[in-house]
Amino acid sequence: MSELSAFAGSKGYGGAFDVGAGRPRTYKTAKALRKAVKEYFNNISYEREPVGAPEGMKIRAWVRAPSMAGLYIHLGIGKSTWADYGADDKLGPVVEYARMMMEDFWAGELNGKFANGAKFALSANYGWTEKQEVEMGPRAQRAVAAANITTAEREELLRELAQEIFQTGEAKDE
């Protein structure tokens, strides 16, 4: 018996860890998987009413960050079984729900003290990217345009700039 098999069958894990090929599915229905996934999230978070919020409004407060590894351990399955569940027509929506819950957690951390960790988690696991837009002023636009012009056009542009500087003492930023 391998160390993993011995570990999986040990007390405290109930032998639910999926080792070995051909083992029957731990969760056969979406309802059973959904219940177990929600139980995982409820074990690491709680709902509370925000101070000053309208009565009945609730927010989720996290005791610890959710993780795929933590979810796998809670469910007693491995990564490959989770991937199989994701490809299943009936279980796939539950897998997507868990993924969205974790993505929502990290998105909520973007304004907190762990913003850099949240950015990493979102880009590494959820396809988020950080974009920067740069606005070019008229001079920069002309310089970019000048990179694709003929020598004669470039000479004309330089004459215009020289005349502009000679008349005003500086080039205009139109």
N, C-alpha and C. Protein backbone atom coordinates (compact mmCIF):
# COMPACT_ATOMS: atom_id res chain seq x y z
N MET A 1 0.85 -1.18 0.00
CA MET A 1 0.00 0.00 0.00
C MET A 1 0.89 1.24 0.00
N SER A 2 0.61 2.19 -0.89
CA SER A 2 1.43 3.40 -0.97
C SER A 2 1.15 4.31 0.22
N GLU A 3 2.09 5.26 0.43
CA GLU A 3 1.91 6.21 1.53
C GLU A 3 0.63 7.01 1.35
N LEU A 4 0.32 7.42 0.11
CA LEU A 4 -0.88 8.20 -0.15
C LEU A 4 -2.12 7.38 0.15
N SER A 5 -2.12 6.12 -0.24
CA SER A 5 -3.27 5.26 0.04
C SER A 5 -3.46 5.09 1.53
N ALA A 6 -2.34 4.93 2.26
CA ALA A 6 -2.44 4.79 3.71
C ALA A 6 -2.97 6.07 4.32
N PHE A 7 -2.49 7.21 3.83
CA PHE A 7 -2.94 8.51 4.32
C PHE A 7 -4.43 8.70 4.04
N ALA A 8 -4.84 8.36 2.84
CA ALA A 8 -6.23 8.58 2.43
C ALA A 8 -7.19 7.73 3.24
N GLY A 9 -6.75 6.58 3.64
CA GLY A 9 -7.64 5.70 4.40
C GLY A 9 -7.55 5.91 5.89
N SER A 10 -6.69 6.83 6.35
CA SER A 10 -6.52 7.04 7.78
C SER A 10 -7.72 7.72 8.38
N LYS A 11 -7.83 7.61 9.70
CA LYS A 11 -8.94 8.26 10.41
C LYS A 11 -8.84 9.76 10.22
N GLY A 12 -9.96 10.41 10.19
CA GLY A 12 -9.99 11.86 10.00
C GLY A 12 -10.26 12.23 8.56
N TYR A 13 -9.97 11.35 7.64
CA TYR A 13 -10.27 11.61 6.24
C TYR A 13 -11.33 10.64 5.73
N GLY A 14 -11.68 9.68 6.53
CA GLY A 14 -12.77 8.78 6.19
C GLY A 14 -12.53 7.99 4.91
N GLY A 15 -11.30 7.94 4.45
CA GLY A 15 -11.00 7.19 3.24
C GLY A 15 -11.61 7.81 2.00
N ALA A 16 -12.01 9.08 2.08
CA ALA A 16 -12.72 9.71 0.96
C ALA A 16 -11.79 10.29 -0.08
N PHE A 17 -10.49 10.38 0.21
CA PHE A 17 -9.55 10.96 -0.74
C PHE A 17 -9.46 10.05 -1.94
N ASP A 18 -9.58 10.58 -3.15
CA ASP A 18 -9.69 9.72 -4.33
C ASP A 18 -8.34 9.24 -4.83
N VAL A 19 -7.95 8.08 -4.42
CA VAL A 19 -6.74 7.46 -4.94
C VAL A 19 -7.14 6.21 -5.70
N GLY A 20 -6.37 5.89 -6.70
CA GLY A 20 -6.66 4.68 -7.46
C GLY A 20 -7.60 4.97 -8.60
N ALA A 21 -7.41 4.27 -9.71
CA ALA A 21 -8.25 4.46 -10.88
C ALA A 21 -9.53 3.66 -10.76
N GLY A 22 -10.56 4.13 -11.40
CA GLY A 22 -11.81 3.39 -11.46
C GLY A 22 -12.67 3.48 -10.22
N ARG A 23 -12.29 4.30 -9.29
CA ARG A 23 -13.07 4.44 -8.07
C ARG A 23 -14.39 5.14 -8.39
N PRO A 24 -15.49 4.73 -7.78
CA PRO A 24 -16.76 5.42 -8.04
C PRO A 24 -16.69 6.87 -7.59
N ARG A 25 -17.44 7.71 -8.25
CA ARG A 25 -17.46 9.14 -7.91
C ARG A 25 -17.91 9.35 -6.47
N THR A 26 -17.22 10.28 -5.80
CA THR A 26 -17.60 10.64 -4.45
C THR A 26 -18.93 11.39 -4.46
N TYR A 27 -19.12 12.26 -5.46
CA TYR A 27 -20.36 13.04 -5.59
C TYR A 27 -21.02 12.67 -6.90
N LYS A 28 -22.17 12.04 -6.80
CA LYS A 28 -22.85 11.57 -8.01
C LYS A 28 -23.86 12.59 -8.55
N THR A 29 -24.33 13.50 -7.69
CA THR A 29 -25.32 14.48 -8.14
C THR A 29 -24.82 15.90 -7.89
N ALA A 30 -25.35 16.81 -8.68
CA ALA A 30 -24.99 18.22 -8.51
C ALA A 30 -25.45 18.72 -7.15
N LYS A 31 -26.58 18.24 -6.67
CA LYS A 31 -27.10 18.67 -5.37
C LYS A 31 -26.13 18.30 -4.24
N ALA A 32 -25.59 17.08 -4.29
CA ALA A 32 -24.65 16.63 -3.25
C ALA A 32 -23.35 17.42 -3.33
N LEU A 33 -22.85 17.65 -4.54
CA LEU A 33 -21.61 18.42 -4.70
C LEU A 33 -21.82 19.86 -4.27
N ARG A 34 -22.94 20.46 -4.66
CA ARG A 34 -23.24 21.86 -4.29
C ARG A 34 -23.29 22.00 -2.77
N LYS A 35 -23.93 21.05 -2.11
CA LYS A 35 -24.03 21.09 -0.65
C LYS A 35 -22.65 21.03 -0.01
N ALA A 36 -21.79 20.16 -0.50
CA ALA A 36 -20.43 20.03 0.05
C ALA A 36 -19.59 21.27 -0.23
N VAL A 37 -19.71 21.84 -1.43
CA VAL A 37 -18.96 23.05 -1.79
C VAL A 37 -19.41 24.21 -0.90
N LYS A 38 -20.71 24.38 -0.73
CA LYS A 38 -21.22 25.46 0.13
C LYS A 38 -20.77 25.25 1.57
N GLU A 39 -20.71 24.00 2.01
CA GLU A 39 -20.24 23.70 3.35
C GLU A 39 -18.78 24.16 3.52
N TYR A 40 -17.97 23.93 2.48
CA TYR A 40 -16.57 24.39 2.54
C TYR A 40 -16.52 25.90 2.72
N PHE A 41 -17.25 26.63 1.90
CA PHE A 41 -17.23 28.10 2.01
C PHE A 41 -17.79 28.56 3.35
N ASN A 42 -18.81 27.89 3.86
CA ASN A 42 -19.37 28.27 5.16
C ASN A 42 -18.41 27.97 6.30
N ASN A 43 -17.54 26.97 6.12
CA ASN A 43 -16.56 26.64 7.16
C ASN A 43 -15.44 27.67 7.26
N ILE A 44 -15.18 28.41 6.19
CA ILE A 44 -14.09 29.38 6.21
C ILE A 44 -14.59 30.82 6.14
N SER A 45 -15.90 31.02 6.26
CA SER A 45 -16.47 32.36 6.21
C SER A 45 -17.78 32.38 7.00
N TYR A 46 -18.31 33.57 7.17
CA TYR A 46 -19.61 33.71 7.82
C TYR A 46 -20.29 34.95 7.27
N GLU A 47 -21.60 35.00 7.42
CA GLU A 47 -22.34 36.17 6.97
C GLU A 47 -22.63 37.06 8.16
N ARG A 48 -22.56 38.36 7.93
CA ARG A 48 -22.86 39.32 8.99
C ARG A 48 -23.52 40.54 8.39
N GLU A 49 -24.17 41.31 9.26
CA GLU A 49 -24.79 42.56 8.83
C GLU A 49 -23.76 43.68 8.95
N PRO A 50 -23.54 44.43 7.88
CA PRO A 50 -22.59 45.55 7.98
C PRO A 50 -23.13 46.65 8.88
N VAL A 51 -22.26 47.32 9.60
CA VAL A 51 -22.65 48.41 10.48
C VAL A 51 -23.26 49.53 9.64
N GLY A 52 -24.42 49.99 10.04
CA GLY A 52 -25.08 51.09 9.36
C GLY A 52 -25.81 50.71 8.08
N ALA A 53 -25.84 49.43 7.75
CA ALA A 53 -26.51 48.98 6.52
C ALA A 53 -27.99 48.74 6.82
N PRO A 54 -28.81 48.74 5.77
CA PRO A 54 -30.22 48.45 5.98
C PRO A 54 -30.40 47.06 6.61
N GLU A 55 -31.43 46.95 7.43
CA GLU A 55 -31.69 45.68 8.10
C GLU A 55 -31.89 44.56 7.08
N GLY A 56 -31.31 43.43 7.37
CA GLY A 56 -31.44 42.27 6.49
C GLY A 56 -30.33 42.14 5.47
N MET A 57 -29.55 43.21 5.26
CA MET A 57 -28.44 43.14 4.31
C MET A 57 -27.30 42.36 4.95
N LYS A 58 -26.73 41.44 4.21
CA LYS A 58 -25.64 40.62 4.74
C LYS A 58 -24.44 40.66 3.80
N ILE A 59 -23.27 40.57 4.40
CA ILE A 59 -22.04 40.43 3.62
C ILE A 59 -21.30 39.19 4.13
N ARG A 60 -20.44 38.64 3.28
CA ARG A 60 -19.65 37.48 3.67
C ARG A 60 -18.30 37.96 4.20
N ALA A 61 -17.96 37.54 5.40
CA ALA A 61 -16.66 37.85 5.99
C ALA A 61 -15.85 36.55 6.01
N TRP A 62 -14.62 36.65 5.58
CA TRP A 62 -13.78 35.46 5.43
C TRP A 62 -12.85 35.29 6.62
N VAL A 63 -12.82 34.07 7.16
CA VAL A 63 -11.90 33.74 8.24
C VAL A 63 -10.52 33.45 7.65
N ARG A 64 -10.51 32.84 6.49
CA ARG A 64 -9.28 32.58 5.76
C ARG A 64 -9.58 32.57 4.27
N ALA A 65 -8.56 32.71 3.46
CA ALA A 65 -8.74 32.74 2.00
C ALA A 65 -9.14 31.36 1.49
N PRO A 66 -10.12 31.32 0.60
CA PRO A 66 -10.47 30.03 0.00
C PRO A 66 -9.37 29.59 -0.95
N SER A 67 -9.19 28.29 -1.08
CA SER A 67 -8.19 27.78 -2.01
C SER A 67 -8.69 26.50 -2.65
N MET A 68 -8.18 26.23 -3.83
CA MET A 68 -8.56 24.98 -4.50
C MET A 68 -8.08 23.79 -3.67
N ALA A 69 -6.87 23.87 -3.14
CA ALA A 69 -6.35 22.76 -2.33
C ALA A 69 -7.24 22.52 -1.11
N GLY A 70 -7.65 23.61 -0.46
CA GLY A 70 -8.54 23.47 0.69
C GLY A 70 -9.86 22.84 0.31
N LEU A 71 -10.38 23.25 -0.85
CA LEU A 71 -11.65 22.67 -1.33
C LEU A 71 -11.48 21.19 -1.63
N TYR A 72 -10.38 20.82 -2.30
CA TYR A 72 -10.15 19.41 -2.61
C TYR A 72 -10.09 18.57 -1.33
N ILE A 73 -9.38 19.07 -0.34
CA ILE A 73 -9.26 18.34 0.92
C ILE A 73 -10.63 18.21 1.58
N HIS A 74 -11.38 19.30 1.61
CA HIS A 74 -12.71 19.26 2.21
C HIS A 74 -13.61 18.24 1.51
N LEU A 75 -13.54 18.23 0.18
CA LEU A 75 -14.39 17.33 -0.59
C LEU A 75 -13.87 15.89 -0.58
N GLY A 76 -12.59 15.72 -0.25
CA GLY A 76 -12.00 14.39 -0.26
C GLY A 76 -11.74 13.88 -1.66
N ILE A 77 -11.40 14.80 -2.56
CA ILE A 77 -11.11 14.43 -3.95
C ILE A 77 -9.80 15.06 -4.37
N GLY A 78 -9.32 14.68 -5.53
CA GLY A 78 -8.10 15.25 -6.07
C GLY A 78 -8.38 16.19 -7.23
N LYS A 79 -7.33 16.81 -7.71
CA LYS A 79 -7.43 17.79 -8.79
C LYS A 79 -8.02 17.18 -10.06
N SER A 80 -7.64 15.97 -10.41
CA SER A 80 -8.14 15.36 -11.65
C SER A 80 -9.64 15.06 -11.54
N THR A 81 -10.08 14.64 -10.37
CA THR A 81 -11.52 14.40 -10.19
C THR A 81 -12.29 15.71 -10.31
N TRP A 82 -11.75 16.78 -9.73
CA TRP A 82 -12.39 18.10 -9.83
C TRP A 82 -12.50 18.52 -11.30
N ALA A 83 -11.44 18.27 -12.06
CA ALA A 83 -11.45 18.60 -13.49
C ALA A 83 -12.52 17.77 -14.21
N ASP A 84 -12.64 16.51 -13.84
CA ASP A 84 -13.69 15.65 -14.43
C ASP A 84 -15.08 16.19 -14.09
N TYR A 85 -15.27 16.63 -12.85
CA TYR A 85 -16.54 17.22 -12.45
C TYR A 85 -16.83 18.47 -13.29
N GLY A 86 -15.80 19.26 -13.55
CA GLY A 86 -15.97 20.48 -14.34
C GLY A 86 -16.40 20.19 -15.76
N ALA A 87 -15.99 19.06 -16.30
CA ALA A 87 -16.34 18.69 -17.68
C ALA A 87 -17.72 18.02 -17.76
N ASP A 88 -18.27 17.65 -16.63
CA ASP A 88 -19.57 16.98 -16.60
C ASP A 88 -20.70 18.01 -16.74
N ASP A 89 -21.68 17.71 -17.59
CA ASP A 89 -22.79 18.65 -17.83
C ASP A 89 -23.57 18.99 -16.57
N LYS A 90 -23.75 18.03 -15.68
CA LYS A 90 -24.55 18.27 -14.47
C LYS A 90 -23.72 18.87 -13.33
N LEU A 91 -22.46 18.46 -13.21
CA LEU A 91 -21.63 18.94 -12.11
C LEU A 91 -20.84 20.19 -12.46
N GLY A 92 -20.66 20.45 -13.75
CA GLY A 92 -19.89 21.60 -14.21
C GLY A 92 -20.33 22.93 -13.63
N PRO A 93 -21.64 23.22 -13.57
CA PRO A 93 -22.07 24.50 -12.99
C PRO A 93 -21.66 24.68 -11.52
N VAL A 94 -21.57 23.58 -10.78
CA VAL A 94 -21.14 23.68 -9.38
C VAL A 94 -19.65 24.02 -9.33
N VAL A 95 -18.87 23.43 -10.22
CA VAL A 95 -17.44 23.74 -10.31
C VAL A 95 -17.27 25.22 -10.65
N GLU A 96 -18.06 25.72 -11.59
CA GLU A 96 -17.99 27.13 -11.98
C GLU A 96 -18.39 28.04 -10.83
N TYR A 97 -19.40 27.64 -10.05
CA TYR A 97 -19.82 28.42 -8.87
C TYR A 97 -18.66 28.55 -7.89
N ALA A 98 -17.96 27.45 -7.61
CA ALA A 98 -16.84 27.48 -6.67
C ALA A 98 -15.73 28.39 -7.20
N ARG A 99 -15.47 28.29 -8.48
CA ARG A 99 -14.44 29.13 -9.11
C ARG A 99 -14.81 30.60 -8.98
N MET A 100 -16.06 30.93 -9.22
CA MET A 100 -16.51 32.33 -9.14
C MET A 100 -16.47 32.83 -7.70
N MET A 101 -16.78 31.98 -6.73
CA MET A 101 -16.70 32.39 -5.33
C MET A 101 -15.26 32.77 -4.96
N MET A 102 -14.31 31.96 -5.43
CA MET A 102 -12.90 32.25 -5.12
C MET A 102 -12.44 33.51 -5.86
N GLU A 103 -12.85 33.67 -7.10
CA GLU A 103 -12.49 34.87 -7.86
C GLU A 103 -13.07 36.11 -7.18
N ASP A 104 -14.31 36.00 -6.70
CA ASP A 104 -14.95 37.13 -6.01
C ASP A 104 -14.19 37.48 -4.73
N PHE A 105 -13.72 36.47 -4.01
CA PHE A 105 -12.93 36.74 -2.81
C PHE A 105 -11.71 37.58 -3.16
N TRP A 106 -10.93 37.13 -4.18
CA TRP A 106 -9.70 37.84 -4.54
C TRP A 106 -9.99 39.22 -5.11
N ALA A 107 -11.08 39.37 -5.86
CA ALA A 107 -11.45 40.69 -6.37
C ALA A 107 -11.74 41.64 -5.21
N GLY A 108 -12.35 41.12 -4.17
CA GLY A 108 -12.64 41.93 -2.99
C GLY A 108 -11.40 42.35 -2.22
N GLU A 109 -10.30 41.64 -2.42
CA GLU A 109 -9.05 41.96 -1.73
C GLU A 109 -8.22 43.02 -2.45
N LEU A 110 -8.64 43.45 -3.64
CA LEU A 110 -7.84 44.40 -4.42
C LEU A 110 -7.64 45.74 -3.72
N ASN A 111 -8.55 46.12 -2.84
CA ASN A 111 -8.41 47.40 -2.14
C ASN A 111 -7.86 47.23 -0.74
N GLY A 112 -7.51 46.01 -0.36
CA GLY A 112 -7.03 45.75 0.99
C GLY A 112 -5.52 45.73 1.07
N LYS A 113 -5.04 45.29 2.23
CA LYS A 113 -3.59 45.27 2.44
C LYS A 113 -2.90 44.14 1.68
N PHE A 114 -3.67 43.21 1.12
CA PHE A 114 -3.09 42.12 0.34
C PHE A 114 -3.37 42.29 -1.16
N ALA A 115 -3.42 43.54 -1.60
CA ALA A 115 -3.76 43.83 -3.00
C ALA A 115 -2.79 43.18 -3.98
N ASN A 116 -1.50 43.18 -3.67
CA ASN A 116 -0.53 42.57 -4.59
C ASN A 116 -0.75 41.07 -4.71
N GLY A 117 -1.04 40.41 -3.60
CA GLY A 117 -1.35 38.98 -3.63
C GLY A 117 -2.63 38.72 -4.41
N ALA A 118 -3.61 39.61 -4.25
CA ALA A 118 -4.87 39.47 -4.98
C ALA A 118 -4.64 39.62 -6.48
N LYS A 119 -3.81 40.61 -6.86
CA LYS A 119 -3.50 40.80 -8.29
C LYS A 119 -2.85 39.55 -8.86
N PHE A 120 -1.91 38.98 -8.10
CA PHE A 120 -1.24 37.77 -8.57
C PHE A 120 -2.24 36.63 -8.72
N ALA A 121 -3.07 36.41 -7.70
CA ALA A 121 -4.04 35.31 -7.74
C ALA A 121 -5.00 35.48 -8.91
N LEU A 122 -5.47 36.70 -9.13
CA LEU A 122 -6.42 36.94 -10.22
C LEU A 122 -5.78 36.76 -11.58
N SER A 123 -4.53 37.19 -11.73
CA SER A 123 -3.89 37.03 -13.04
C SER A 123 -3.44 35.59 -13.27
N ALA A 124 -2.96 34.92 -12.24
CA ALA A 124 -2.47 33.55 -12.40
C ALA A 124 -3.59 32.52 -12.55
N ASN A 125 -4.72 32.77 -11.87
CA ASN A 125 -5.77 31.75 -11.81
C ASN A 125 -7.06 32.09 -12.54
N TYR A 126 -7.28 33.36 -12.82
CA TYR A 126 -8.58 33.75 -13.36
C TYR A 126 -8.49 34.56 -14.65
N GLY A 127 -7.30 34.68 -15.22
CA GLY A 127 -7.15 35.34 -16.51
C GLY A 127 -7.22 36.86 -16.48
N TRP A 128 -7.16 37.45 -15.31
CA TRP A 128 -7.19 38.91 -15.23
C TRP A 128 -5.87 39.46 -15.74
N THR A 129 -5.93 40.63 -16.37
CA THR A 129 -4.73 41.32 -16.81
C THR A 129 -4.82 42.78 -16.39
N GLU A 130 -3.68 43.37 -16.22
CA GLU A 130 -3.63 44.79 -15.85
C GLU A 130 -3.26 45.57 -17.10
N LYS A 131 -4.09 46.54 -17.44
CA LYS A 131 -3.84 47.34 -18.64
C LYS A 131 -3.47 48.76 -18.23
N GLN A 132 -2.58 49.33 -19.00
CA GLN A 132 -2.25 50.74 -18.83
C GLN A 132 -2.50 51.42 -20.16
N GLU A 133 -3.22 52.52 -20.12
CA GLU A 133 -3.45 53.29 -21.33
C GLU A 133 -2.62 54.55 -21.26
N VAL A 134 -1.95 54.84 -22.34
CA VAL A 134 -1.10 56.03 -22.41
C VAL A 134 -1.68 56.95 -23.47
N GLU A 135 -1.95 58.19 -23.06
CA GLU A 135 -2.43 59.17 -24.01
C GLU A 135 -1.23 59.92 -24.57
N MET A 136 -1.21 60.04 -25.86
CA MET A 136 -0.10 60.76 -26.51
C MET A 136 -0.56 62.17 -26.85
N GLY A 137 0.31 63.10 -26.55
CA GLY A 137 0.05 64.48 -26.94
C GLY A 137 0.34 64.65 -28.42
N PRO A 138 0.08 65.84 -28.94
CA PRO A 138 0.29 66.08 -30.37
C PRO A 138 1.73 65.81 -30.82
N ARG A 139 2.73 66.18 -30.00
CA ARG A 139 4.13 65.94 -30.38
C ARG A 139 4.40 64.44 -30.52
N ALA A 140 3.96 63.68 -29.53
CA ALA A 140 4.20 62.24 -29.56
C ALA A 140 3.48 61.60 -30.75
N GLN A 141 2.27 62.08 -31.03
CA GLN A 141 1.53 61.55 -32.19
C GLN A 141 2.29 61.82 -33.48
N ARG A 142 2.86 63.03 -33.59
CA ARG A 142 3.63 63.36 -34.79
C ARG A 142 4.89 62.50 -34.88
N ALA A 143 5.52 62.25 -33.73
CA ALA A 143 6.73 61.43 -33.73
C ALA A 143 6.43 60.00 -34.16
N VAL A 144 5.31 59.46 -33.69
CA VAL A 144 4.92 58.11 -34.09
C VAL A 144 4.59 58.08 -35.57
N ALA A 145 3.88 59.10 -36.01
CA ALA A 145 3.54 59.18 -37.44
C ALA A 145 4.81 59.34 -38.27
N ALA A 146 5.80 60.09 -37.74
CA ALA A 146 7.04 60.34 -38.47
C ALA A 146 7.84 59.07 -38.68
N ALA A 147 7.65 58.10 -37.84
CA ALA A 147 8.39 56.84 -37.98
C ALA A 147 8.01 56.12 -39.26
N ASN A 148 6.85 56.43 -39.82
CA ASN A 148 6.37 55.73 -41.01
C ASN A 148 6.25 56.64 -42.23
N ILE A 149 7.07 57.69 -42.28
CA ILE A 149 6.98 58.60 -43.44
C ILE A 149 8.29 58.56 -44.24
N THR A 150 8.19 59.08 -45.42
CA THR A 150 9.37 59.11 -46.30
C THR A 150 10.34 60.18 -45.83
N THR A 151 11.53 60.13 -46.35
CA THR A 151 12.56 61.13 -46.01
C THR A 151 12.10 62.53 -46.38
N ALA A 152 11.48 62.69 -47.52
CA ALA A 152 11.01 64.02 -47.95
C ALA A 152 9.95 64.54 -46.99
N GLU A 153 9.03 63.68 -46.55
CA GLU A 153 7.99 64.11 -45.60
C GLU A 153 8.62 64.46 -44.26
N ARG A 154 9.63 63.71 -43.85
CA ARG A 154 10.32 63.97 -42.58
C ARG A 154 11.03 65.33 -42.64
N GLU A 155 11.69 65.62 -43.76
CA GLU A 155 12.37 66.90 -43.92
C GLU A 155 11.36 68.05 -43.84
N GLU A 156 10.19 67.88 -44.46
CA GLU A 156 9.15 68.92 -44.43
C GLU A 156 8.67 69.13 -42.99
N LEU A 157 8.46 68.06 -42.25
CA LEU A 157 8.02 68.14 -40.86
C LEU A 157 9.07 68.86 -40.01
N LEU A 158 10.33 68.55 -40.21
CA LEU A 158 11.41 69.22 -39.48
C LEU A 158 11.47 70.71 -39.81
N ARG A 159 11.26 71.07 -41.09
CA ARG A 159 11.22 72.49 -41.47
C ARG A 159 10.08 73.21 -40.75
N GLU A 160 8.92 72.58 -40.68
CA GLU A 160 7.76 73.18 -40.00
C GLU A 160 8.06 73.39 -38.52
N LEU A 161 8.65 72.38 -37.87
CA LEU A 161 8.98 72.49 -36.45
C LEU A 161 10.03 73.58 -36.23
N ALA A 162 11.04 73.64 -37.08
CA ALA A 162 12.09 74.66 -36.94
C ALA A 162 11.50 76.06 -37.09
N GLN A 163 10.59 76.24 -38.06
CA GLN A 163 9.97 77.54 -38.27
C GLN A 163 9.11 77.90 -37.05
N GLU A 164 8.39 76.92 -36.52
CA GLU A 164 7.54 77.14 -35.35
C GLU A 164 8.40 77.58 -34.16
N ILE A 165 9.53 76.92 -33.93
CA ILE A 165 10.41 77.25 -32.81
C ILE A 165 11.03 78.64 -33.04
N PHE A 166 11.44 78.93 -34.26
CA PHE A 166 12.05 80.23 -34.57
C PHE A 166 11.07 81.37 -34.32
N GLN A 167 9.78 81.18 -34.67
CA GLN A 167 8.78 82.25 -34.52
C GLN A 167 8.34 82.43 -33.07
N THR A 168 8.18 81.36 -32.31
CA THR A 168 7.62 81.46 -30.97
C THR A 168 8.63 81.22 -29.87
N GLY A 169 9.75 80.68 -30.19
CA GLY A 169 10.73 80.34 -29.16
C GLY A 169 10.55 78.93 -28.62
N GLU A 170 9.45 78.28 -28.95
CA GLU A 170 9.22 76.91 -28.55
C GLU A 170 8.21 76.26 -29.48
N ALA A 171 8.19 74.94 -29.49
CA ALA A 171 7.23 74.21 -30.33
C ALA A 171 5.89 74.17 -29.61
N LYS A 172 4.81 74.30 -30.38
CA LYS A 172 3.47 74.29 -29.80
C LYS A 172 3.03 72.85 -29.54
N ASP A 173 2.27 72.67 -28.46
CA ASP A 173 1.63 71.36 -28.16
C ASP A 173 0.17 71.45 -28.56
N GLU A 174 -0.11 71.73 -29.74
CA GLU A 174 -1.45 71.95 -30.30
C GLU A 174 -2.55 71.35 -29.49
